[in-house]
Amino acid sequence: MTNRELSNPIFTAAVESDGTVSSAQSVGVDQSRTRRIDQVGGGVVYDVGFQQDVSQCVYSATPGRTRNGGTLAPVILNPQSRASDRNVVMVFVRDLEGSFFQPLKPSFHLIVVC
């Protein structure tokens, strides 16, 4: 049985600080929808795309190194669905004080359970 045949599929993404995905550690990712979006003032948002609608799923993101290395940073990651694309999870990066406008761009792991 494949992940897509499960009644509750699980998708994973190991995202580099530049917005690319470590494919060896990821399941169900659509790299063409995945990118880092730099915000005015230094903040950053990551779009992580998947191969199916994940808008009604549960998300969890944690800082972590990928097989390509990555950059650990003490940050708060806030994942949520993107209203304009049901296959994308947006991950907002904030520093430990909750500020969105900071220079930290960590690598992280995103788990999506549907």
Protein backbone atom coordinates (compact mmCIF):
# COMPACT_ATOMS: atom_id res chain seq x y z
CA MET A 1 0.00 0.00 0.00
CA THR A 2 1.34 3.44 -0.88
CA ASN A 3 1.02 6.59 1.21
CA ARG A 4 -1.61 8.01 -1.17
CA GLU A 5 -3.77 4.90 -0.67
CA LEU A 6 -3.89 5.35 3.11
CA SER A 7 -7.11 6.73 4.55
CA ASN A 8 -4.98 9.26 6.49
CA PRO A 9 -1.79 9.88 4.46
CA ILE A 10 1.30 11.38 6.06
CA PHE A 11 3.55 13.77 4.14
CA THR A 12 6.95 15.08 5.20
CA ALA A 13 9.27 17.82 4.00
CA ALA A 14 12.86 18.51 5.05
CA VAL A 15 13.22 22.14 3.93
CA GLU A 16 16.56 23.87 3.47
CA SER A 17 16.97 27.51 4.52
CA ASP A 18 16.95 28.51 0.82
CA GLY A 19 13.52 26.90 0.32
CA THR A 20 14.60 23.74 -1.50
CA VAL A 21 13.57 20.33 -0.21
CA SER A 22 15.84 17.41 0.69
CA SER A 23 14.09 14.79 -1.45
CA ALA A 24 15.65 11.84 0.39
CA GLN A 25 13.84 12.93 3.58
CA SER A 26 10.54 14.04 2.04
CA VAL A 27 7.32 12.30 0.98
CA GLY A 28 4.66 13.78 -1.31
CA VAL A 29 6.33 17.16 -1.89
CA ASP A 30 5.75 19.19 -5.06
CA GLN A 31 9.04 21.11 -5.45
CA SER A 32 7.53 23.38 -8.14
CA ARG A 33 5.25 24.88 -5.45
CA THR A 34 7.95 25.07 -2.78
CA ARG A 35 9.92 28.28 -2.21
CA ARG A 36 11.26 30.82 0.28
CA ILE A 37 9.59 34.23 0.23
CA ASP A 38 11.73 37.02 1.70
CA GLN A 39 9.65 39.77 3.29
CA VAL A 40 10.40 43.49 3.54
CA GLY A 41 12.23 44.08 6.83
CA GLY A 42 13.97 40.70 6.94
CA GLY A 43 11.15 38.28 7.70
CA VAL A 44 10.70 35.06 5.77
CA VAL A 45 7.81 32.76 4.84
CA TYR A 46 8.21 29.36 3.23
CA ASP A 47 5.64 27.83 0.89
CA VAL A 48 5.84 24.03 0.96
CA GLY A 49 3.86 22.38 -1.83
CA PHE A 50 2.42 18.89 -1.82
CA GLN A 51 1.04 16.59 -4.52
CA GLN A 52 -2.54 16.80 -3.25
CA ASP A 53 -4.91 19.03 -1.29
CA VAL A 54 -3.59 19.35 2.29
CA SER A 55 -5.85 22.22 3.40
CA GLN A 56 -7.81 20.07 5.88
CA CYS A 57 -4.75 18.33 7.35
CA VAL A 58 -2.79 18.85 10.57
CA TYR A 59 0.68 20.46 10.39
CA SER A 60 3.72 20.44 12.65
CA ALA A 61 7.04 22.17 11.91
CA THR A 62 10.27 22.00 13.92
CA PRO A 63 13.76 23.39 13.30
CA GLY A 64 16.17 20.67 12.22
CA ARG A 65 19.09 19.83 10.01
CA THR A 66 18.57 18.04 6.72
CA ARG A 67 20.78 15.47 5.04
CA ASN A 68 22.31 18.38 3.13
CA GLY A 69 23.29 20.08 6.39
CA GLY A 70 20.94 22.94 7.06
CA THR A 71 21.03 25.77 9.55
CA LEU A 72 19.71 25.40 13.08
CA ALA A 73 18.27 28.54 14.62
CA PRO A 74 16.21 29.19 17.76
CA VAL A 75 12.91 30.09 16.06
CA ILE A 76 9.15 29.64 16.27
CA LEU A 77 7.65 28.05 13.15
CA ASN A 78 3.97 28.68 12.47
CA PRO A 79 2.52 26.45 9.68
CA GLN A 80 -0.90 27.09 8.16
CA SER A 81 -2.73 26.38 4.93
CA ARG A 82 -2.51 28.82 2.00
CA ALA A 83 -6.03 29.93 1.00
CA SER A 84 -4.99 30.56 -2.61
CA ASP A 85 -3.47 27.08 -3.12
CA ARG A 86 -4.91 24.09 -1.24
CA ASN A 87 -1.75 22.04 -1.96
CA VAL A 88 0.52 24.48 -0.09
CA VAL A 89 1.40 24.90 3.58
CA MET A 90 2.88 28.28 4.53
CA VAL A 91 5.45 28.29 7.31
CA PHE A 92 6.02 31.65 9.02
CA VAL A 93 9.34 32.09 10.85
CA ARG A 94 9.50 34.16 14.04
CA ASP A 95 12.30 34.69 16.52
CA LEU A 96 11.91 33.57 20.14
CA GLU A 97 10.37 36.93 21.09
CA GLY A 98 7.68 36.41 18.43
CA SER A 99 9.02 39.01 15.98
CA PHE A 100 8.42 38.26 12.33
CA PHE A 101 11.08 40.78 11.22
CA GLN A 102 14.35 39.01 11.94
CA PRO A 103 17.14 37.57 9.81
CA LEU A 104 16.95 33.90 10.94
CA LYS A 105 16.30 31.49 8.08
CA PRO A 106 16.47 27.96 9.50
CA SER A 107 16.17 24.57 7.91
CA PHE A 108 13.17 22.69 9.28
CA HIS A 109 11.03 19.57 9.10
CA LEU A 110 7.33 19.76 8.29
CA ILE A 111 4.95 16.88 8.94
CA VAL A 112 1.46 16.88 7.42
CA VAL A 113 -1.10 14.33 8.60
CA CYS A 114 -4.39 14.13 6.72
